[in-house]
Structures are given as C-alpha cells and as structure tokens.
C-alpha cells in the first residue's frame, strides 16, 4: 500500500486542480456568485454591482448570476463565498430558471 501513496496523491491533486480550473470564472465571461444563505437578495445584488459585475438573475436569494461590466474591472464581491464560472454551473440551477 505505501507504494500507491504517490499515485493516489497525484490522482487527487489532479482532480482538485481540474475542478479549480473548470469552476473558476474566466475573464470576460459570466459568473455565478454565491453568498451566505442568510443574505437577502437585494443585498446580494448590491454587493455584486459594487464589485463591478452586472447582476442578471438570481435563482435563489443567495445566488446571483452576473456578467462583467464593459470596463472589465470586475472583482470578487464582498462577503461572497464563491465566484464560479457560470457556464460550468448551469447544471446546478433549477430547471425553471431562465438565467441561461
């Protein structure tokens, strides 16, 4: 078993790196911003707008789909838990969502 430790470490490291590269937002593309579930929807929209993103939709009060502004100076919103690539996250949204 000790002989497999390097192989197992490489496997899990590769999976983590792949997930980070897939789920991290790409410059100029839409993002899904995740806040605490206790964050009101209006406050989440305001934080996203303050960070330079243009809020588009909110399938839940703590999830905000946003696209970058024209200047391209978008940054991570205050108190956001995650900033994810929206294209990679469409499968996680409810079926009735029209945010695509």
PDB file of N, CA and C in Angstrom:
ATOM      1  N   UNK A   1       0.814  -1.204   0.000  1.00  0.00           N
ATOM      2  CA  UNK A   1       0.000   0.000   0.000  1.00  0.00           C
ATOM      3  C   UNK A   1       0.858   1.269   0.000  1.00  0.00           C
ATOM      4  N   UNK A   2       1.953   1.339   0.722  1.00  0.00           N
ATOM      5  CA  UNK A   2       2.769   2.568   0.702  1.00  0.00           C
ATOM      6  C   UNK A   2       3.285   2.923  -0.693  1.00  0.00           C
ATOM      7  N   UNK A   3       3.378   1.916  -1.553  1.00  0.00           N
ATOM      8  CA  UNK A   3       3.853   2.201  -2.910  1.00  0.00           C
ATOM      9  C   UNK A   3       2.815   2.976  -3.719  1.00  0.00           C
ATOM     10  N   UNK A   4       1.563   2.912  -3.331  1.00  0.00           N
ATOM     11  CA  UNK A   4       0.494   3.590  -4.066  1.00  0.00           C
ATOM     12  C   UNK A   4       0.236   5.024  -3.589  1.00  0.00           C
ATOM     13  N   UNK A   5       0.844   5.433  -2.505  1.00  0.00           N
ATOM     14  CA  UNK A   5       0.595   6.774  -1.959  1.00  0.00           C
ATOM     15  C   UNK A   5       0.934   7.872  -2.963  1.00  0.00           C
ATOM     16  N   UNK A   6       2.075   7.852  -3.649  1.00  0.00           N
ATOM     17  CA  UNK A   6       2.335   8.903  -4.642  1.00  0.00           C
ATOM     18  C   UNK A   6       1.297   8.920  -5.772  1.00  0.00           C
ATOM     19  N   UNK A   7       0.876   7.759  -6.234  1.00  0.00           N
ATOM     20  CA  UNK A   7      -0.116   7.695  -7.308  1.00  0.00           C
ATOM     21  C   UNK A   7      -1.468   8.236  -6.845  1.00  0.00           C
ATOM     22  N   UNK A   8      -1.860   7.883  -5.640  1.00  0.00           N
ATOM     23  CA  UNK A   8      -3.126   8.374  -5.100  1.00  0.00           C
ATOM     24  C   UNK A   8      -3.065   9.878  -4.893  1.00  0.00           C
ATOM     25  N   UNK A   9      -1.927  10.384  -4.422  1.00  0.00           N
ATOM     26  CA  UNK A   9      -1.754  11.830  -4.234  1.00  0.00           C
ATOM     27  C   UNK A   9      -1.847  12.572  -5.561  1.00  0.00           C
ATOM     28  N   UNK A  10      -1.233  12.041  -6.599  1.00  0.00           N
ATOM     29  CA  UNK A  10      -1.307  12.663  -7.918  1.00  0.00           C
ATOM     30  C   UNK A  10      -2.737  12.639  -8.458  1.00  0.00           C
ATOM     31  N   UNK A  11      -3.448  11.554  -8.234  1.00  0.00           N
ATOM     32  CA  UNK A  11      -4.830  11.452  -8.687  1.00  0.00           C
ATOM     33  C   UNK A  11      -5.695  12.520  -8.030  1.00  0.00           C
ATOM     34  N   UNK A  12      -5.653  12.606  -6.718  1.00  0.00           N
ATOM     35  CA  UNK A  12      -6.479  13.580  -6.015  1.00  0.00           C
ATOM     36  C   UNK A  12      -6.031  15.007  -6.303  1.00  0.00           C
ATOM     37  N   UNK A  13      -4.738  15.240  -6.407  1.00  0.00           N
ATOM     38  CA  UNK A  13      -4.238  16.573  -6.761  1.00  0.00           C
ATOM     39  C   UNK A  13      -4.698  16.993  -8.148  1.00  0.00           C
ATOM     40  N   UNK A  14      -4.679  16.049  -9.082  1.00  0.00           N
ATOM     41  CA  UNK A  14      -5.150  16.342 -10.437  1.00  0.00           C
ATOM     42  C   UNK A  14      -6.633  16.629 -10.479  1.00  0.00           C
ATOM     43  N   UNK A  15      -7.425  15.904  -9.692  1.00  0.00           N
ATOM     44  CA  UNK A  15      -8.857  16.150  -9.629  1.00  0.00           C
ATOM     45  C   UNK A  15      -9.162  17.529  -9.048  1.00  0.00           C
ATOM     46  N   UNK A  16      -8.445  17.905  -8.006  1.00  0.00           N
ATOM     47  CA  UNK A  16      -8.647  19.219  -7.390  1.00  0.00           C
ATOM     48  C   UNK A  16      -8.252  20.315  -8.366  1.00  0.00           C
ATOM     49  N   UNK A  17      -7.115  20.176  -9.013  1.00  0.00           N
ATOM     50  CA  UNK A  17      -6.662  21.179  -9.975  1.00  0.00           C
ATOM     51  C   UNK A  17      -7.641  21.288 -11.146  1.00  0.00           C
ATOM     52  N   UNK A  18      -8.128  20.171 -11.623  1.00  0.00           N
ATOM     53  CA  UNK A  18      -9.109  20.177 -12.713  1.00  0.00           C
ATOM     54  C   UNK A  18     -10.390  20.885 -12.292  1.00  0.00           C
ATOM     55  N   UNK A  19     -10.863  20.637 -11.091  1.00  0.00           N
ATOM     56  CA  UNK A  19     -12.077  21.292 -10.601  1.00  0.00           C
ATOM     57  C   UNK A  19     -11.877  22.795 -10.476  1.00  0.00           C
ATOM     58  N   UNK A  20     -10.724  23.207  -9.972  1.00  0.00           N
ATOM     59  CA  UNK A  20     -10.444  24.638  -9.819  1.00  0.00           C
ATOM     60  C   UNK A  20     -10.403  25.318 -11.180  1.00  0.00           C
ATOM     61  N   UNK A  21      -9.747  24.710 -12.139  1.00  0.00           N
ATOM     62  CA  UNK A  21      -9.658  25.310 -13.471  1.00  0.00           C
ATOM     63  C   UNK A  21     -11.007  25.332 -14.188  1.00  0.00           C
ATOM     64  N   UNK A  22     -11.827  24.336 -13.967  1.00  0.00           N
ATOM     65  CA  UNK A  22     -13.137  24.273 -14.616  1.00  0.00           C
ATOM     66  C   UNK A  22     -14.123  25.248 -13.988  1.00  0.00           C
ATOM     67  N   UNK A  23     -14.119  25.345 -12.672  1.00  0.00           N
ATOM     68  CA  UNK A  23     -15.120  26.136 -11.963  1.00  0.00           C
ATOM     69  C   UNK A  23     -14.739  27.591 -11.737  1.00  0.00           C
ATOM     70  N   UNK A  24     -13.464  27.960 -11.906  1.00  0.00           N
ATOM     71  CA  UNK A  24     -13.083  29.351 -11.701  1.00  0.00           C
ATOM     72  C   UNK A  24     -13.542  30.196 -12.888  1.00  0.00           C
ATOM     73  N   UNK A  25     -14.001  31.422 -12.622  1.00  0.00           N
ATOM     74  CA  UNK A  25     -14.520  32.255 -13.718  1.00  0.00           C
ATOM     75  C   UNK A  25     -13.404  32.680 -14.663  1.00  0.00           C
ATOM     76  N   UNK A  26     -13.736  32.753 -15.935  1.00  0.00           N
ATOM     77  CA  UNK A  26     -12.795  33.175 -16.947  1.00  0.00           C
ATOM     78  C   UNK A  26     -13.013  34.655 -17.230  1.00  0.00           C
ATOM     79  N   UNK A  27     -11.954  35.416 -17.514  1.00  0.00           N
ATOM     80  CA  UNK A  27     -12.124  36.847 -17.786  1.00  0.00           C
ATOM     81  C   UNK A  27     -13.103  37.101 -18.937  1.00  0.00           C
ATOM     82  N   UNK A  28     -14.008  38.037 -18.718  1.00  0.00           N
ATOM     83  CA  UNK A  28     -14.959  38.411 -19.747  1.00  0.00           C
ATOM     84  C   UNK A  28     -16.165  37.502 -19.872  1.00  0.00           C
ATOM     85  N   UNK A  29     -16.282  36.482 -19.033  1.00  0.00           N
ATOM     86  CA  UNK A  29     -17.404  35.554 -19.091  1.00  0.00           C
ATOM     87  C   UNK A  29     -18.282  35.696 -17.850  1.00  0.00           C
ATOM     88  N   UNK A  30     -19.545  35.261 -17.929  1.00  0.00           N
ATOM     89  CA  UNK A  30     -20.454  35.370 -16.781  1.00  0.00           C
ATOM     90  C   UNK A  30     -19.980  34.529 -15.604  1.00  0.00           C
ATOM     91  N   UNK A  31     -20.427  34.951 -14.426  1.00  0.00           N
ATOM     92  CA  UNK A  31     -20.052  34.245 -13.206  1.00  0.00           C
ATOM     93  C   UNK A  31     -21.285  34.016 -12.342  1.00  0.00           C
ATOM     94  N   UNK A  32     -21.199  33.012 -11.504  1.00  0.00           N
ATOM     95  CA  UNK A  32     -22.216  32.741 -10.504  1.00  0.00           C
ATOM     96  C   UNK A  32     -21.585  33.084  -9.159  1.00  0.00           C
ATOM     97  N   UNK A  33     -22.187  34.037  -8.448  1.00  0.00           N
ATOM     98  CA  UNK A  33     -21.666  34.488  -7.163  1.00  0.00           C
ATOM     99  C   UNK A  33     -22.513  33.860  -6.071  1.00  0.00           C
ATOM    100  N   UNK A  34     -21.851  33.200  -5.112  1.00  0.00           N
ATOM    101  CA  UNK A  34     -22.543  32.501  -4.035  1.00  0.00           C
ATOM    102  C   UNK A  34     -22.286  33.238  -2.724  1.00  0.00           C
ATOM    103  N   UNK A  35     -23.374  33.617  -2.047  1.00  0.00           N
ATOM    104  CA  UNK A  35     -23.311  34.271  -0.744  1.00  0.00           C
ATOM    105  C   UNK A  35     -23.851  33.324   0.320  1.00  0.00           C
ATOM    106  N   UNK A  36     -23.822  33.766   1.554  1.00  0.00           N
ATOM    107  CA  UNK A  36     -24.423  33.016   2.651  1.00  0.00           C
ATOM    108  C   UNK A  36     -25.926  32.896   2.406  1.00  0.00           C
ATOM    109  N   UNK A  37     -26.538  31.762   2.736  1.00  0.00           N
ATOM    110  CA  UNK A  37     -27.985  31.623   2.539  1.00  0.00           C
ATOM    111  C   UNK A  37     -28.815  32.650   3.309  1.00  0.00           C
ATOM    112  N   UNK A  38     -28.241  33.271   4.324  1.00  0.00           N
ATOM    113  CA  UNK A  38     -28.977  34.286   5.082  1.00  0.00           C
ATOM    114  C   UNK A  38     -28.889  35.674   4.445  1.00  0.00           C
ATOM    115  N   UNK A  39     -28.147  35.818   3.354  1.00  0.00           N
ATOM    116  CA  UNK A  39     -28.010  37.105   2.687  1.00  0.00           C
ATOM    117  C   UNK A  39     -29.276  37.425   1.893  1.00  0.00           C
ATOM    118  N   UNK A  40     -29.900  38.581   2.145  1.00  0.00           N
ATOM    119  CA  UNK A  40     -31.089  38.958   1.361  1.00  0.00           C
ATOM    120  C   UNK A  40     -30.724  39.189  -0.109  1.00  0.00           C
ATOM    121  N   UNK A  41     -31.671  38.953  -0.999  1.00  0.00           N
ATOM    122  CA  UNK A  41     -31.428  39.085  -2.428  1.00  0.00           C
ATOM    123  C   UNK A  41     -31.000  40.482  -2.841  1.00  0.00           C
ATOM    124  N   UNK A  42     -31.636  41.514  -2.286  1.00  0.00           N
ATOM    125  CA  UNK A  42     -31.285  42.895  -2.648  1.00  0.00           C
ATOM    126  C   UNK A  42     -29.861  43.227  -2.230  1.00  0.00           C
ATOM    127  N   UNK A  43     -29.457  42.732  -1.067  1.00  0.00           N
ATOM    128  CA  UNK A  43     -28.092  42.981  -0.595  1.00  0.00           C
ATOM    129  C   UNK A  43     -27.074  42.246  -1.469  1.00  0.00           C
ATOM    130  N   UNK A  44     -27.394  41.026  -1.877  1.00  0.00           N
ATOM    131  CA  UNK A  44     -26.501  40.265  -2.754  1.00  0.00           C
ATOM    132  C   UNK A  44     -26.332  40.983  -4.087  1.00  0.00           C
ATOM    133  N   UNK A  45     -27.448  41.476  -4.674  1.00  0.00           N
ATOM    134  CA  UNK A  45     -27.379  42.222  -5.928  1.00  0.00           C
ATOM    135  C   UNK A  45     -26.514  43.461  -5.759  1.00  0.00           C
ATOM    136  N   UNK A  46     -26.673  44.186  -4.643  1.00  0.00           N
ATOM    137  CA  UNK A  46     -25.900  45.411  -4.401  1.00  0.00           C
ATOM    138  C   UNK A  46     -24.407  45.108  -4.291  1.00  0.00           C
ATOM    139  N   UNK A  47     -24.058  44.046  -3.591  1.00  0.00           N
ATOM    140  CA  UNK A  47     -22.635  43.688  -3.444  1.00  0.00           C
ATOM    141  C   UNK A  47     -22.015  43.305  -4.790  1.00  0.00           C
ATOM    142  N   UNK A  48     -22.785  42.596  -5.606  1.00  0.00           N
ATOM    143  CA  UNK A  48     -22.291  42.198  -6.926  1.00  0.00           C
ATOM    144  C   UNK A  48     -22.068  43.443  -7.793  1.00  0.00           C
ATOM    145  N   UNK A  49     -23.003  44.379  -7.755  1.00  0.00           N
ATOM    146  CA  UNK A  49     -22.875  45.606  -8.542  1.00  0.00           C
ATOM    147  C   UNK A  49     -21.709  46.462  -8.064  1.00  0.00           C
ATOM    148  N   UNK A  50     -21.488  46.538  -6.757  1.00  0.00           N
ATOM    149  CA  UNK A  50     -20.366  47.300  -6.211  1.00  0.00           C
ATOM    150  C   UNK A  50     -19.025  46.731  -6.648  1.00  0.00           C
ATOM    151  N   UNK A  51     -18.977  45.432  -6.886  1.00  0.00           N
ATOM    152  CA  UNK A  51     -17.724  44.786  -7.288  1.00  0.00           C
ATOM    153  C   UNK A  51     -17.465  44.904  -8.784  1.00  0.00           C
ATOM    154  N   UNK A  52     -18.348  45.577  -9.515  1.00  0.00           N
ATOM    155  CA  UNK A  52     -18.111  45.788 -10.935  1.00  0.00           C
ATOM    156  C   UNK A  52     -18.778  44.776 -11.845  1.00  0.00           C
ATOM    157  N   UNK A  53     -19.662  43.955 -11.304  1.00  0.00           N
ATOM    158  CA  UNK A  53     -20.398  42.988 -12.105  1.00  0.00           C
ATOM    159  C   UNK A  53     -21.779  43.546 -12.412  1.00  0.00           C
ATOM    160  N   UNK A  54     -22.386  43.095 -13.478  1.00  0.00           N
ATOM    161  CA  UNK A  54     -23.752  43.475 -13.823  1.00  0.00           C
ATOM    162  C   UNK A  54     -24.670  42.309 -13.475  1.00  0.00           C
ATOM    163  N   UNK A  55     -25.433  42.410 -12.376  1.00  0.00           N
ATOM    164  CA  UNK A  55     -26.321  41.314 -11.985  1.00  0.00           C
ATOM    165  C   UNK A  55     -27.374  41.045 -13.051  1.00  0.00           C
ATOM    166  N   UNK A  56     -27.582  39.788 -13.373  1.00  0.00           N
ATOM    167  CA  UNK A  56     -28.522  39.400 -14.418  1.00  0.00           C
ATOM    168  C   UNK A  56     -29.744  38.708 -13.819  1.00  0.00           C
ATOM    169  N   UNK A  57     -29.532  37.734 -12.962  1.00  0.00           N
ATOM    170  CA  UNK A  57     -30.632  36.960 -12.394  1.00  0.00           C
ATOM    171  C   UNK A  57     -30.222  36.406 -11.043  1.00  0.00           C
ATOM    172  N   UNK A  58     -31.224  35.980 -10.300  1.00  0.00           N
ATOM    173  CA  UNK A  58     -30.975  35.378  -9.001  1.00  0.00           C
ATOM    174  C   UNK A  58     -31.943  34.219  -8.806  1.00  0.00           C
ATOM    175  N   UNK A  59     -31.516  32.984  -9.136  1.00  0.00           N
ATOM    176  CA  UNK A  59     -32.416  31.843  -8.978  1.00  0.00           C
ATOM    177  C   UNK A  59     -32.805  31.616  -7.513  1.00  0.00           C
ATOM    178  N   UNK A  60     -31.931  31.958  -6.598  1.00  0.00           N
ATOM    179  CA  UNK A  60     -32.181  31.937  -5.155  1.00  0.00           C
ATOM    180  C   UNK A  60     -31.627  33.245  -4.606  1.00  0.00           C
ATOM    181  N   UNK A  61     -32.052  33.654  -3.413  1.00  0.00           N
ATOM    182  CA  UNK A  61     -31.623  34.954  -2.890  1.00  0.00           C
ATOM    183  C   UNK A  61     -30.115  35.032  -2.667  1.00  0.00           C
ATOM    184  N   UNK A  62     -29.455  33.916  -2.436  1.00  0.00           N
ATOM    185  CA  UNK A  62     -28.026  33.932  -2.169  1.00  0.00           C
ATOM    186  C   UNK A  62     -27.167  33.588  -3.396  1.00  0.00           C
ATOM    187  N   UNK A  63     -27.772  33.298  -4.536  1.00  0.00           N
ATOM    188  CA  UNK A  63     -27.060  33.034  -5.785  1.00  0.00           C
ATOM    189  C   UNK A  63     -27.367  34.147  -6.772  1.00  0.00           C
ATOM    190  N   UNK A  64     -26.324  34.741  -7.350  1.00  0.00           N
ATOM    191  CA  UNK A  64     -26.519  35.811  -8.319  1.00  0.00           C
ATOM    192  C   UNK A  64     -25.711  35.497  -9.574  1.00  0.00           C
ATOM    193  N   UNK A  65     -26.401  35.432 -10.705  1.00  0.00           N
ATOM    194  CA  UNK A  65     -25.726  35.305 -11.997  1.00  0.00           C
ATOM    195  C   UNK A  65     -25.381  36.703 -12.456  1.00  0.00           C
ATOM    196  N   UNK A  66     -24.150  36.914 -12.866  1.00  0.00           N
ATOM    197  CA  UNK A  66     -23.717  38.249 -13.262  1.00  0.00           C
ATOM    198  C   UNK A  66     -22.760  38.147 -14.436  1.00  0.00           C
ATOM    199  N   UNK A  67     -22.709  39.216 -15.206  1.00  0.00           N
ATOM    200  CA  UNK A  67     -21.734  39.283 -16.288  1.00  0.00           C
ATOM    201  C   UNK A  67     -20.814  40.464 -16.013  1.00  0.00           C
ATOM    202  N   UNK A  68     -19.603  40.427 -16.548  1.00  0.00           N
ATOM    203  CA  UNK A  68     -18.666  41.519 -16.279  1.00  0.00           C
ATOM    204  C   UNK A  68     -19.132  42.813 -16.937  1.00  0.00           C
ATOM    205  N   UNK A  69     -18.755  43.924 -16.339  1.00  0.00           N
ATOM    206  CA  UNK A  69     -19.123  45.208 -16.931  1.00  0.00           C
ATOM    207  C   UNK A  69     -18.237  45.487 -18.139  1.00  0.00           C
ATOM    208  N   UNK A  70     -18.536  46.540 -18.845  1.00  0.00           N
ATOM    209  CA  UNK A  70     -17.812  46.875 -20.084  1.00  0.00           C
ATOM    210  C   UNK A  70     -16.340  47.180 -19.829  1.00  0.00           C
ATOM    211  N   UNK A  71     -16.016  47.746 -18.667  1.00  0.00           N
ATOM    212  CA  UNK A  71     -14.626  48.111 -18.365  1.00  0.00           C
ATOM    213  C   UNK A  71     -13.762  46.889 -18.074  1.00  0.00           C
ATOM    214  N   UNK A  72     -14.388  45.786 -17.713  1.00  0.00           N
ATOM    215  CA  UNK A  72     -13.625  44.568 -17.441  1.00  0.00           C
ATOM    216  C   UNK A  72     -12.871  44.613 -16.126  1.00  0.00           C
ATOM    217  N   UNK A  73     -13.276  45.476 -15.209  1.00  0.00           N
ATOM    218  CA  UNK A  73     -12.598  45.620 -13.923  1.00  0.00           C
ATOM    219  C   UNK A  73     -13.343  44.896 -12.806  1.00  0.00           C
ATOM    220  N   UNK A  74     -14.009  43.823 -13.116  1.00  0.00           N
ATOM    221  CA  UNK A  74     -14.797  43.089 -12.127  1.00  0.00           C
ATOM    222  C   UNK A  74     -13.875  42.387 -11.143  1.00  0.00           C
ATOM    223  N   UNK A  75     -14.289  42.367  -9.882  1.00  0.00           N
ATOM    224  CA  UNK A  75     -13.515  41.704  -8.831  1.00  0.00           C
ATOM    225  C   UNK A  75     -14.461  40.880  -7.969  1.00  0.00           C
ATOM    226  N   UNK A  76     -13.927  40.204  -6.997  1.00  0.00           N
ATOM    227  CA  UNK A  76     -14.737  39.354  -6.114  1.00  0.00           C
ATOM    228  C   UNK A  76     -15.598  40.246  -5.212  1.00  0.00           C
ATOM    229  N   UNK A  77     -16.910  40.018  -5.182  1.00  0.00           N
ATOM    230  CA  UNK A  77     -17.784  40.812  -4.311  1.00  0.00           C
ATOM    231  C   UNK A  77     -17.488  40.581  -2.830  1.00  0.00           C
ATOM    232  N   UNK A  78     -17.759  41.598  -2.026  1.00  0.00           N
ATOM    233  CA  UNK A  78     -17.533  41.499  -0.583  1.00  0.00           C
ATOM    234  C   UNK A  78     -18.426  40.420   0.009  1.00  0.00           C
ATOM    235  N   UNK A  79     -17.869  39.632   0.905  1.00  0.00           N
ATOM    236  CA  UNK A  79     -18.578  38.566   1.630  1.00  0.00           C
ATOM    237  C   UNK A  79     -19.087  37.438   0.745  1.00  0.00           C
ATOM    238  N   UNK A  80     -18.618  37.336  -0.482  1.00  0.00           N
ATOM    239  CA  UNK A  80     -19.026  36.225  -1.351  1.00  0.00           C
ATOM    240  C   UNK A  80     -18.254  34.972  -0.954  1.00  0.00           C
ATOM    241  N   UNK A  81     -18.967  33.862  -0.840  1.00  0.00           N
ATOM    242  CA  UNK A  81     -18.305  32.599  -0.524  1.00  0.00           C
ATOM    243  C   UNK A  81     -17.532  32.069  -1.720  1.00  0.00           C
ATOM    244  N   UNK A  82     -18.183  32.088  -2.890  1.00  0.00           N
ATOM    245  CA  UNK A  82     -17.577  31.549  -4.104  1.00  0.00           C
ATOM    246  C   UNK A  82     -17.878  32.442  -5.293  1.00  0.00           C
ATOM    247  N   UNK A  83     -16.974  32.435  -6.223  1.00  0.00           N
ATOM    248  CA  UNK A  83     -17.155  33.092  -7.512  1.00  0.00           C
ATOM    249  C   UNK A  83     -16.855  32.017  -8.549  1.00  0.00           C
ATOM    250  N   UNK A  84     -17.902  31.522  -9.218  1.00  0.00           N
ATOM    251  CA  UNK A  84     -17.770  30.357 -10.091  1.00  0.00           C
ATOM    252  C   UNK A  84     -18.063  30.695 -11.541  1.00  0.00           C
ATOM    253  N   UNK A  85     -17.520  29.893 -12.434  1.00  0.00           N
ATOM    254  CA  UNK A  85     -17.786  30.015 -13.859  1.00  0.00           C
ATOM    255  C   UNK A  85     -19.247  29.643 -14.103  1.00  0.00           C
ATOM    256  N   UNK A  86     -20.038  30.588 -14.594  1.00  0.00           N
ATOM    257  CA  UNK A  86     -21.469  30.341 -14.789  1.00  0.00           C
ATOM    258  C   UNK A  86     -21.717  29.255 -15.827  1.00  0.00           C
ATOM    259  N   UNK A  87     -20.890  29.167 -16.848  1.00  0.00           N
ATOM    260  CA  UNK A  87     -21.083  28.145 -17.875  1.00  0.00           C
ATOM    261  C   UNK A  87     -20.954  26.746 -17.296  1.00  0.00           C
ATOM    262  N   UNK A  88     -20.065  26.572 -16.345  1.00  0.00           N
ATOM    263  CA  UNK A  88     -19.863  25.267 -15.730  1.00  0.00           C
ATOM    264  C   UNK A  88     -20.935  24.951 -14.700  1.00  0.00           C
ATOM    265  N   UNK A  89     -21.682  25.958 -14.253  1.00  0.00           N
ATOM    266  CA  UNK A  89     -22.640  25.769 -13.181  1.00  0.00           C
ATOM    267  C   UNK A  89     -24.080  25.651 -13.651  1.00  0.00           C
ATOM    268  N   UNK A  90     -24.376  25.742 -14.946  1.00  0.00           N
ATOM    269  CA  UNK A  90     -25.761  25.718 -15.409  1.00  0.00           C
ATOM    270  C   UNK A  90     -26.483  24.439 -15.018  1.00  0.00           C
ATOM    271  N   UNK A  91     -25.803  23.334 -14.884  1.00  0.00           N
ATOM    272  CA  UNK A  91     -26.454  22.099 -14.486  1.00  0.00           C
ATOM    273  C   UNK A  91     -26.912  22.098 -13.043  1.00  0.00           C
ATOM    274  N   UNK A  92     -26.425  23.043 -12.244  1.00  0.00           N
ATOM    275  CA  UNK A  92     -26.792  23.119 -10.833  1.00  0.00           C
ATOM    276  C   UNK A  92     -27.976  24.040 -10.589  1.00  0.00           C
ATOM    277  N   UNK A  93     -28.442  24.751 -11.608  1.00  0.00           N
ATOM    278  CA  UNK A  93     -29.555  25.668 -11.433  1.00  0.00           C
ATOM    279  C   UNK A  93     -30.871  24.928 -11.586  1.00  0.00           C
ATOM    280  N   UNK A  94     -31.943  25.472 -11.001  1.00  0.00           N
ATOM    281  CA  UNK A  94     -33.244  24.806 -11.145  1.00  0.00           C
ATOM    282  C   UNK A  94     -33.695  24.791 -12.595  1.00  0.00           C
ATOM    283  N   UNK A  95     -34.474  23.804 -12.977  1.00  0.00           N
ATOM    284  CA  UNK A  95     -34.897  23.628 -14.364  1.00  0.00           C
ATOM    285  C   UNK A  95     -35.744  24.793 -14.862  1.00  0.00           C
ATOM    286  N   UNK A  96     -36.524  25.427 -13.990  1.00  0.00           N
ATOM    287  CA  UNK A  96     -37.380  26.516 -14.427  1.00  0.00           C
ATOM    288  C   UNK A  96     -36.649  27.851 -14.529  1.00  0.00           C
ATOM    289  N   UNK A  97     -35.362  27.878 -14.202  1.00  0.00           N
ATOM    290  CA  UNK A  97     -34.592  29.110 -14.274  1.00  0.00           C
ATOM    291  C   UNK A  97     -34.385  29.526 -15.726  1.00  0.00           C
ATOM    292  N   UNK A  98     -34.581  30.799 -16.032  1.00  0.00           N
ATOM    293  CA  UNK A  98     -34.365  31.326 -17.379  1.00  0.00           C
ATOM    294  C   UNK A  98     -33.087  32.128 -17.440  1.00  0.00           C
ATOM    295  N   UNK A  99     -32.166  31.898 -16.526  1.00  0.00           N
ATOM    296  CA  UNK A  99     -30.949  32.691 -16.421  1.00  0.00           C
ATOM    297  C   UNK A  99     -29.899  32.304 -17.451  1.00  0.00           C
ATOM    298  N   UNK A 100     -30.125  31.326 -18.261  1.00  0.00           N
ATOM    299  CA  UNK A 100     -29.138  30.903 -19.246  1.00  0.00           C
ATOM    300  C   UNK A 100     -29.046  31.925 -20.324  1.00  0.00           C
TER     301      UNK A 100
END
